[in-house]
Structure formats: structure tokens, C-alpha cells
C-alpha atoms as a PDB file:
ATOM      1  CA  UNK A   1     -19.108 -34.170 -11.224  1.00  0.00           C
ATOM      2  CA  UNK A   2     -15.542 -34.150  -9.914  1.00  0.00           C
ATOM      3  CA  UNK A   3     -14.224 -35.501 -13.226  1.00  0.00           C
ATOM      4  CA  UNK A   4     -16.281 -33.006 -15.215  1.00  0.00           C
ATOM      5  CA  UNK A   5     -14.884 -30.119 -13.167  1.00  0.00           C
ATOM      6  CA  UNK A   6     -11.328 -31.366 -13.622  1.00  0.00           C
ATOM      7  CA  UNK A   7     -11.690 -31.797 -17.380  1.00  0.00           C
ATOM      8  CA  UNK A   8     -13.401 -28.437 -17.724  1.00  0.00           C
ATOM      9  CA  UNK A   9     -10.648 -26.778 -15.689  1.00  0.00           C
ATOM     10  CA  UNK A  10      -8.009 -28.269 -18.001  1.00  0.00           C
ATOM     11  CA  UNK A  11      -9.877 -27.095 -21.114  1.00  0.00           C
ATOM     12  CA  UNK A  12     -10.350 -23.591 -19.723  1.00  0.00           C
ATOM     13  CA  UNK A  13      -6.677 -23.228 -18.849  1.00  0.00           C
ATOM     14  CA  UNK A  14      -5.560 -24.579 -22.232  1.00  0.00           C
ATOM     15  CA  UNK A  15      -7.944 -22.171 -23.972  1.00  0.00           C
ATOM     16  CA  UNK A  16      -6.724 -19.316 -21.828  1.00  0.00           C
ATOM     17  CA  UNK A  17      -3.075 -19.984 -22.667  1.00  0.00           C
ATOM     18  CA  UNK A  18      -3.345 -21.168 -26.270  1.00  0.00           C
ATOM     19  CA  UNK A  19      -4.065 -17.737 -27.709  1.00  0.00           C
ATOM     20  CA  UNK A  20      -0.558 -16.683 -26.690  1.00  0.00           C
ATOM     21  CA  UNK A  21       0.852 -18.943 -29.439  1.00  0.00           C
ATOM     22  CA  UNK A  22      -0.630 -17.072 -32.418  1.00  0.00           C
ATOM     23  CA  UNK A  23      -0.106 -13.773 -30.593  1.00  0.00           C
ATOM     24  CA  UNK A  24       3.632 -14.433 -30.246  1.00  0.00           C
ATOM     25  CA  UNK A  25       4.188 -16.159 -33.603  1.00  0.00           C
ATOM     26  CA  UNK A  26       2.023 -13.901 -35.754  1.00  0.00           C
ATOM     27  CA  UNK A  27       2.885 -10.819 -33.757  1.00  0.00           C
ATOM     28  CA  UNK A  28       6.555 -11.315 -34.508  1.00  0.00           C
ATOM     29  CA  UNK A  29       5.988 -12.273 -38.152  1.00  0.00           C
ATOM     30  CA  UNK A  30       3.267  -9.913 -39.402  1.00  0.00           C
ATOM     31  CA  UNK A  31       2.544  -7.580 -36.456  1.00  0.00           C
ATOM     32  CA  UNK A  32      -0.745  -9.385 -35.739  1.00  0.00           C
ATOM     33  CA  UNK A  33      -3.427  -8.372 -34.873  1.00  0.00           C
ATOM     34  CA  UNK A  34      -2.624  -4.703 -35.542  1.00  0.00           C
ATOM     35  CA  UNK A  35      -1.872  -5.485 -39.194  1.00  0.00           C
ATOM     36  CA  UNK A  36      -5.287  -7.002 -39.971  1.00  0.00           C
ATOM     37  CA  UNK A  37      -6.426  -3.742 -41.516  1.00  0.00           C
ATOM     38  CA  UNK A  38      -3.250  -3.067 -43.496  1.00  0.00           C
ATOM     39  CA  UNK A  39      -3.536  -2.845 -47.302  1.00  0.00           C
ATOM     40  CA  UNK A  40      -2.712  -5.682 -49.694  1.00  0.00           C
ATOM     41  CA  UNK A  41       0.504  -4.063 -50.941  1.00  0.00           C
ATOM     42  CA  UNK A  42       1.825  -4.240 -47.392  1.00  0.00           C
ATOM     43  CA  UNK A  43       0.400  -7.558 -46.238  1.00  0.00           C
ATOM     44  CA  UNK A  44       0.696  -9.867 -49.243  1.00  0.00           C
ATOM     45  CA  UNK A  45       4.496  -9.590 -49.637  1.00  0.00           C
ATOM     46  CA  UNK A  46       4.797 -10.017 -45.859  1.00  0.00           C
ATOM     47  CA  UNK A  47       2.551 -13.094 -45.871  1.00  0.00           C
ATOM     48  CA  UNK A  48       4.667 -14.608 -48.640  1.00  0.00           C
ATOM     49  CA  UNK A  49       7.916 -13.779 -46.860  1.00  0.00           C
ATOM     50  CA  UNK A  50       6.694 -15.170 -43.525  1.00  0.00           C
ATOM     51  CA  UNK A  51       4.705 -18.093 -44.977  1.00  0.00           C
ATOM     52  CA  UNK A  52       5.831 -20.703 -42.450  1.00  0.00           C
ATOM     53  CA  UNK A  53       5.176 -18.462 -39.447  1.00  0.00           C
ATOM     54  CA  UNK A  54       1.767 -17.435 -40.823  1.00  0.00           C
ATOM     55  CA  UNK A  55       0.828 -21.065 -41.347  1.00  0.00           C
ATOM     56  CA  UNK A  56       1.964 -22.084 -37.855  1.00  0.00           C
ATOM     57  CA  UNK A  57       0.384 -19.108 -36.113  1.00  0.00           C
ATOM     58  CA  UNK A  58      -2.987 -19.417 -37.804  1.00  0.00           C
ATOM     59  CA  UNK A  59      -3.048 -23.184 -37.369  1.00  0.00           C
ATOM     60  CA  UNK A  60      -2.619 -22.639 -33.622  1.00  0.00           C
ATOM     61  CA  UNK A  61      -5.373 -20.021 -33.789  1.00  0.00           C
ATOM     62  CA  UNK A  62      -7.580 -22.534 -35.605  1.00  0.00           C
ATOM     63  CA  UNK A  63      -7.052 -25.101 -32.834  1.00  0.00           C
ATOM     64  CA  UNK A  64      -7.889 -22.425 -30.269  1.00  0.00           C
ATOM     65  CA  UNK A  65     -11.083 -21.601 -32.151  1.00  0.00           C
ATOM     66  CA  UNK A  66     -12.189 -25.222 -32.581  1.00  0.00           C
ATOM     67  CA  UNK A  67     -11.639 -25.811 -28.855  1.00  0.00           C
ATOM     68  CA  UNK A  68     -14.025 -22.976 -28.077  1.00  0.00           C
ATOM     69  CA  UNK A  69     -17.039 -25.247 -28.500  1.00  0.00           C
ATOM     70  CA  UNK A  70     -15.992 -27.963 -26.018  1.00  0.00           C
ATOM     71  CA  UNK A  71     -15.019 -25.164 -23.634  1.00  0.00           C
ATOM     72  CA  UNK A  72     -18.445 -23.552 -24.080  1.00  0.00           C
ATOM     73  CA  UNK A  73     -20.234 -26.886 -23.607  1.00  0.00           C
ATOM     74  CA  UNK A  74     -18.232 -28.107 -20.611  1.00  0.00           C
ATOM     75  CA  UNK A  75     -18.400 -24.735 -18.881  1.00  0.00           C
ATOM     76  CA  UNK A  76     -22.171 -24.704 -19.275  1.00  0.00           C
ATOM     77  CA  UNK A  77     -22.321 -28.228 -17.825  1.00  0.00           C
ATOM     78  CA  UNK A  78     -20.330 -27.181 -14.764  1.00  0.00           C
ATOM     79  CA  UNK A  79     -22.373 -24.005 -14.313  1.00  0.00           C
ATOM     80  CA  UNK A  80     -25.562 -26.092 -14.398  1.00  0.00           C
ATOM     81  CA  UNK A  81     -24.328 -27.969 -11.324  1.00  0.00           C
ATOM     82  CA  UNK A  82     -26.384 -31.010 -10.429  1.00  0.00           C
ATOM     83  CA  UNK A  83     -29.377 -29.678 -12.381  1.00  0.00           C
ATOM     84  CA  UNK A  84     -30.172 -30.408 -15.996  1.00  0.00           C
ATOM     85  CA  UNK A  85     -29.446 -27.778 -18.634  1.00  0.00           C
ATOM     86  CA  UNK A  86     -31.801 -24.830 -18.317  1.00  0.00           C
ATOM     87  CA  UNK A  87     -33.141 -23.250 -21.526  1.00  0.00           C
ATOM     88  CA  UNK A  88     -30.710 -20.361 -20.978  1.00  0.00           C
ATOM     89  CA  UNK A  89     -27.718 -22.710 -20.886  1.00  0.00           C
ATOM     90  CA  UNK A  90     -28.949 -24.549 -23.976  1.00  0.00           C
ATOM     91  CA  UNK A  91     -29.120 -21.232 -25.792  1.00  0.00           C
ATOM     92  CA  UNK A  92     -25.638 -20.373 -24.496  1.00  0.00           C
ATOM     93  CA  UNK A  93     -24.212 -23.623 -25.871  1.00  0.00           C
ATOM     94  CA  UNK A  94     -25.930 -22.938 -29.194  1.00  0.00           C
ATOM     95  CA  UNK A  95     -24.257 -19.552 -29.472  1.00  0.00           C
ATOM     96  CA  UNK A  96     -20.971 -21.178 -28.467  1.00  0.00           C
ATOM     97  CA  UNK A  97     -21.324 -23.583 -31.390  1.00  0.00           C
ATOM     98  CA  UNK A  98     -22.154 -20.777 -33.841  1.00  0.00           C
ATOM     99  CA  UNK A  99     -19.228 -18.738 -32.534  1.00  0.00           C
ATOM    100  CA  UNK A 100     -16.902 -21.678 -33.148  1.00  0.00           C
ATOM    101  CA  UNK A 101     -18.144 -22.100 -36.721  1.00  0.00           C
ATOM    102  CA  UNK A 102     -17.894 -18.400 -37.525  1.00  0.00           C
ATOM    103  CA  UNK A 103     -14.405 -17.935 -36.124  1.00  0.00           C
ATOM    104  CA  UNK A 104     -13.047 -21.030 -37.900  1.00  0.00           C
ATOM    105  CA  UNK A 105     -14.487 -19.809 -41.206  1.00  0.00           C
ATOM    106  CA  UNK A 106     -12.711 -16.515 -40.662  1.00  0.00           C
ATOM    107  CA  UNK A 107      -9.358 -18.139 -39.922  1.00  0.00           C
ATOM    108  CA  UNK A 108      -9.443 -20.458 -42.944  1.00  0.00           C
ATOM    109  CA  UNK A 109      -8.797 -17.482 -45.229  1.00  0.00           C
ATOM    110  CA  UNK A 110      -5.283 -17.147 -43.834  1.00  0.00           C
ATOM    111  CA  UNK A 111      -4.419 -20.813 -44.309  1.00  0.00           C
ATOM    112  CA  UNK A 112      -5.613 -21.251 -47.905  1.00  0.00           C
ATOM    113  CA  UNK A 113      -6.693 -18.326 -50.152  1.00  0.00           C
ATOM    114  CA  UNK A 114      -4.420 -15.620 -48.695  1.00  0.00           C
ATOM    115  CA  UNK A 115      -1.134 -17.537 -49.273  1.00  0.00           C
ATOM    116  CA  UNK A 116      -2.235 -18.173 -52.863  1.00  0.00           C
ATOM    117  CA  UNK A 117      -2.996 -14.469 -53.369  1.00  0.00           C
ATOM    118  CA  UNK A 118       0.361 -13.579 -51.812  1.00  0.00           C
ATOM    119  CA  UNK A 119       2.252 -15.935 -54.112  1.00  0.00           C
ATOM    120  CA  UNK A 120       0.534 -14.512 -57.187  1.00  0.00           C
ATOM    121  CA  UNK A 121       1.030 -10.941 -55.989  1.00  0.00           C
ATOM    122  CA  UNK A 122       4.812 -11.205 -55.605  1.00  0.00           C
ATOM    123  CA  UNK A 123       5.330 -13.238 -58.779  1.00  0.00           C
ATOM    124  CA  UNK A 124       7.475 -11.093 -61.155  1.00  0.00           C
ATOM    125  CA  UNK A 125       5.374 -12.341 -64.064  1.00  0.00           C
ATOM    126  CA  UNK A 126       2.221 -10.812 -62.582  1.00  0.00           C
ATOM    127  CA  UNK A 127       1.198  -7.614 -64.348  1.00  0.00           C
ATOM    128  CA  UNK A 128       0.376  -4.404 -62.488  1.00  0.00           C
ATOM    129  CA  UNK A 129      -3.252  -4.725 -63.537  1.00  0.00           C
ATOM    130  CA  UNK A 130      -3.381  -8.253 -62.141  1.00  0.00           C
ATOM    131  CA  UNK A 131      -1.844  -7.020 -58.884  1.00  0.00           C
ATOM    132  CA  UNK A 132      -4.548  -4.391 -58.567  1.00  0.00           C
ATOM    133  CA  UNK A 133      -7.165  -7.106 -59.068  1.00  0.00           C
ATOM    134  CA  UNK A 134      -5.489  -9.336 -56.475  1.00  0.00           C
ATOM    135  CA  UNK A 135      -5.457  -6.402 -54.049  1.00  0.00           C
ATOM    136  CA  UNK A 136      -9.207  -5.921 -54.523  1.00  0.00           C
ATOM    137  CA  UNK A 137      -9.836  -9.640 -53.985  1.00  0.00           C
ATOM    138  CA  UNK A 138      -7.665  -9.534 -50.856  1.00  0.00           C
ATOM    139  CA  UNK A 139      -9.562  -6.580 -49.435  1.00  0.00           C
ATOM    140  CA  UNK A 140     -13.001  -8.046 -50.167  1.00  0.00           C
ATOM    141  CA  UNK A 141     -12.073 -11.454 -48.744  1.00  0.00           C
ATOM    142  CA  UNK A 142     -10.469  -9.895 -45.695  1.00  0.00           C
ATOM    143  CA  UNK A 143     -13.432  -7.609 -45.008  1.00  0.00           C
ATOM    144  CA  UNK A 144     -16.023 -10.371 -45.422  1.00  0.00           C
ATOM    145  CA  UNK A 145     -14.207 -13.174 -43.601  1.00  0.00           C
ATOM    146  CA  UNK A 146     -13.001 -10.727 -40.965  1.00  0.00           C
ATOM    147  CA  UNK A 147     -16.564  -9.646 -40.233  1.00  0.00           C
ATOM    148  CA  UNK A 148     -17.689 -13.277 -39.997  1.00  0.00           C
ATOM    149  CA  UNK A 149     -14.739 -14.480 -37.936  1.00  0.00           C
ATOM    150  CA  UNK A 150     -13.563 -11.625 -35.756  1.00  0.00           C
ATOM    151  CA  UNK A 151     -16.633  -9.430 -35.367  1.00  0.00           C
ATOM    152  CA  UNK A 152     -19.477 -11.961 -35.388  1.00  0.00           C
ATOM    153  CA  UNK A 153     -17.694 -15.103 -34.178  1.00  0.00           C
ATOM    154  CA  UNK A 154     -14.987 -13.929 -31.789  1.00  0.00           C
ATOM    155  CA  UNK A 155     -16.953 -10.961 -30.494  1.00  0.00           C
ATOM    156  CA  UNK A 156     -20.745 -11.007 -30.814  1.00  0.00           C
ATOM    157  CA  UNK A 157     -21.678 -14.702 -30.499  1.00  0.00           C
ATOM    158  CA  UNK A 158     -18.997 -15.321 -27.878  1.00  0.00           C
ATOM    159  CA  UNK A 159     -20.303 -12.281 -25.975  1.00  0.00           C
ATOM    160  CA  UNK A 160     -23.787 -13.773 -25.865  1.00  0.00           C
ATOM    161  CA  UNK A 161     -22.394 -17.116 -24.660  1.00  0.00           C
ATOM    162  CA  UNK A 162     -20.370 -15.680 -21.796  1.00  0.00           C
ATOM    163  CA  UNK A 163     -23.141 -13.222 -20.858  1.00  0.00           C
ATOM    164  CA  UNK A 164     -25.609 -16.098 -20.425  1.00  0.00           C
ATOM    165  CA  UNK A 165     -23.007 -18.079 -18.476  1.00  0.00           C
ATOM    166  CA  UNK A 166     -22.480 -15.081 -16.204  1.00  0.00           C
ATOM    167  CA  UNK A 167     -26.206 -14.639 -15.609  1.00  0.00           C
ATOM    168  CA  UNK A 168     -26.619 -18.306 -14.630  1.00  0.00           C
ATOM    169  CA  UNK A 169     -23.624 -18.100 -12.270  1.00  0.00           C
ATOM    170  CA  UNK A 170     -25.176 -15.096 -10.525  1.00  0.00           C
ATOM    171  CA  UNK A 171     -28.523 -16.879 -10.284  1.00  0.00           C
ATOM    172  CA  UNK A 172     -27.502 -20.302  -8.986  1.00  0.00           C
ATOM    173  CA  UNK A 173     -24.142 -19.633  -7.313  1.00  0.00           C
ATOM    174  CA  UNK A 174     -22.493 -22.610  -9.024  1.00  0.00           C
ATOM    175  CA  UNK A 175     -19.261 -20.597  -9.218  1.00  0.00           C
ATOM    176  CA  UNK A 176     -18.084 -17.564  -7.224  1.00  0.00           C
ATOM    177  CA  UNK A 177     -20.200 -14.485  -7.806  1.00  0.00           C
ATOM    178  CA  UNK A 178     -17.190 -12.457  -8.969  1.00  0.00           C
ATOM    179  CA  UNK A 179     -16.766 -14.838 -11.904  1.00  0.00           C
ATOM    180  CA  UNK A 180     -20.341 -14.086 -12.947  1.00  0.00           C
ATOM    181  CA  UNK A 181     -19.745 -10.339 -12.787  1.00  0.00           C
ATOM    182  CA  UNK A 182     -16.448 -10.731 -14.644  1.00  0.00           C
ATOM    183  CA  UNK A 183     -18.260 -12.716 -17.350  1.00  0.00           C
ATOM    184  CA  UNK A 184     -20.757  -9.888 -17.867  1.00  0.00           C
ATOM    185  CA  UNK A 185     -17.947  -7.335 -18.097  1.00  0.00           C
ATOM    186  CA  UNK A 186     -16.220  -9.541 -20.689  1.00  0.00           C
ATOM    187  CA  UNK A 187     -19.486  -9.848 -22.627  1.00  0.00           C
ATOM    188  CA  UNK A 188     -19.928  -6.077 -22.824  1.00  0.00           C
ATOM    189  CA  UNK A 189     -16.334  -5.645 -23.943  1.00  0.00           C
ATOM    190  CA  UNK A 190     -16.601  -8.286 -26.660  1.00  0.00           C
ATOM    191  CA  UNK A 191     -19.954  -7.008 -27.910  1.00  0.00           C
ATOM    192  CA  UNK A 192     -18.509  -3.519 -28.336  1.00  0.00           C
ATOM    193  CA  UNK A 193     -16.581  -4.812 -31.365  1.00  0.00           C
ATOM    194  CA  UNK A 194     -19.867  -4.722 -33.305  1.00  0.00           C
ATOM    195  CA  UNK A 195     -19.340  -0.951 -33.483  1.00  0.00           C
ATOM    196  CA  UNK A 196     -16.621  -1.588 -36.072  1.00  0.00           C
ATOM    197  CA  UNK A 197     -19.319  -2.695 -38.514  1.00  0.00           C
ATOM    198  CA  UNK A 198     -20.637   0.885 -38.321  1.00  0.00           C
ATOM    199  CA  UNK A 199     -17.281   2.495 -39.028  1.00  0.00           C
ATOM    200  CA  UNK A 200     -16.102   3.011 -35.455  1.00  0.00           C
ATOM    201  CA  UNK A 201     -12.373   2.293 -35.101  1.00  0.00           C
ATOM    202  CA  UNK A 202     -11.796   0.748 -31.677  1.00  0.00           C
ATOM    203  CA  UNK A 203      -8.053   0.377 -32.191  1.00  0.00           C
ATOM    204  CA  UNK A 204      -6.240  -1.435 -29.376  1.00  0.00           C
ATOM    205  CA  UNK A 205      -9.437  -1.688 -27.310  1.00  0.00           C
ATOM    206  CA  UNK A 206     -10.273  -4.960 -29.091  1.00  0.00           C
ATOM    207  CA  UNK A 207      -7.066  -6.492 -27.738  1.00  0.00           C
ATOM    208  CA  UNK A 208      -8.128  -5.435 -24.242  1.00  0.00           C
ATOM    209  CA  UNK A 209     -11.567  -7.035 -24.561  1.00  0.00           C
ATOM    210  CA  UNK A 210     -10.119 -10.318 -25.823  1.00  0.00           C
ATOM    211  CA  UNK A 211      -7.605 -10.290 -22.963  1.00  0.00           C
ATOM    212  CA  UNK A 212     -10.451  -9.940 -20.456  1.00  0.00           C
ATOM    213  CA  UNK A 213     -12.151 -13.136 -21.597  1.00  0.00           C
ATOM    214  CA  UNK A 214      -8.824 -14.991 -21.820  1.00  0.00           C
ATOM    215  CA  UNK A 215      -8.110 -14.105 -18.197  1.00  0.00           C
ATOM    216  CA  UNK A 216     -11.644 -15.231 -17.326  1.00  0.00           C
ATOM    217  CA  UNK A 217     -10.891 -18.646 -18.844  1.00  0.00           C
ATOM    218  CA  UNK A 218      -7.768 -18.935 -16.700  1.00  0.00           C
ATOM    219  CA  UNK A 219      -9.490 -17.717 -13.539  1.00  0.00           C
ATOM    220  CA  UNK A 220     -12.454 -20.057 -14.003  1.00  0.00           C
ATOM    221  CA  UNK A 221     -10.084 -22.949 -14.683  1.00  0.00           C
ATOM    222  CA  UNK A 222      -8.117 -22.388 -11.483  1.00  0.00           C
ATOM    223  CA  UNK A 223     -11.330 -21.975  -9.464  1.00  0.00           C
ATOM    224  CA  UNK A 224     -12.592 -25.324 -10.743  1.00  0.00           C
ATOM    225  CA  UNK A 225      -9.302 -27.000  -9.891  1.00  0.00           C
ATOM    226  CA  UNK A 226      -9.744 -25.861  -6.311  1.00  0.00           C
ATOM    227  CA  UNK A 227     -13.386 -26.963  -6.159  1.00  0.00           C
ATOM    228  CA  UNK A 228     -13.393 -30.498  -7.660  1.00  0.00           C
ATOM    229  CA  UNK A 229     -15.952 -32.097  -5.353  1.00  0.00           C
END
């Protein structure tokens, strides 16, 4: 159990810190994440101009997203303690896996189709009619993949995972009670992003909710480092 706690602590801390890479790189290059809703005529030339930074930033974000599943699995194992996985923890891990899949599908759009659209959009040989078509494709792809990745993957499914983790912590005391309460607060914050699917603009509040769970990763990681026995 000591080794499991140590490895889980390392994963949690890496996950907690890794999001700063795309935040810094993409934030400086394309004003991410505030620019996610900007129109094609603004974003596509910017994506083309900052192609290397976009590729690096979203690749780091992809690694962060793929790591979410081992983090979800290992955290559930630690929370279970010496007991076997309860049905609630099995469900939590399942939602962690679905969250990982959804968020990676959302990110892929920035590594492959979007750069292609950007290149075609800024090409001097591209007609104005073709640019309008590219803009429509960009908007549709961004809306669909954004809903799958950011709203469903990053927010809703991850909210269910951390909510179940928080409930188990409060029930069995495997980790400090305040971590369980913090997990439930993070879950409510993440789940609130679903409101965007109904036309509610949450603005910067989404950044706050993501920050809450990132800080939870770091806090849980440091707690496990201090309790490796």
C-alpha cells in the first residue's frame, strides 16, 4: 500500500501541475481558453500564425488528459484502502475512463483538422466563398468537439468521478474529511458547466471550477506523500 500511495501521490501532483503548460503556452499564443468561442475569422489566422505553439500546447493538454485515467484509477485504489473496490468506486473509475476518452477526442481537433482548416483559410488562392465554408466547418467542429471534450469530458464525467471519490472518502475516512468535502465542491463546480449546453454563458467561472479540481489534485498528492504507510 505504501508504494501505491507514493505512485498515486506522484501522479496527482503531475496532473495538478501539468495543466499549467497548455495554460501558459496556449494562453500566450492564442489567449486560451478565453478564445475558444472566438469566430473562425479571428482564430484560424491566429492558429496558422502560432502553429508551433498550438501544437505544443495542445500536445501537453493531450498528455494531461490521457493521464486522467491512471489518476482516476489510482486515486480510487487509494481511497478504497485495504478493502476491495466497492461498486461506487468501480462506477467512479468507469466515469474516469469515459471522461478521458471524451476529453482526448475533443483535443484531437486542435492537433489535426483545425491546423488544416487554418492553412486553407489563409491561403491567398482560397476564394471568399470557400473561406465562408471553412468558417462554417470550423464552427460546427468546434461546437461538437467542444461539447464532447470540454463540457461532457472535462466537466460532467469528471464531476461524477470526483463526486463519488468524495463520497467514499467521507464514508470510510481513507483520506482527511476535508478532502472529501473539497471533492464534492469541485464536483458541483465542474457539473455547472453543463449549463452552457442550454445557452448559459459562465464566462471565467469555468476557469475557477477547473482550478478547484487542479488544486485538489495537488492537495491530495501532498497528503498521500505524508501518509505513505
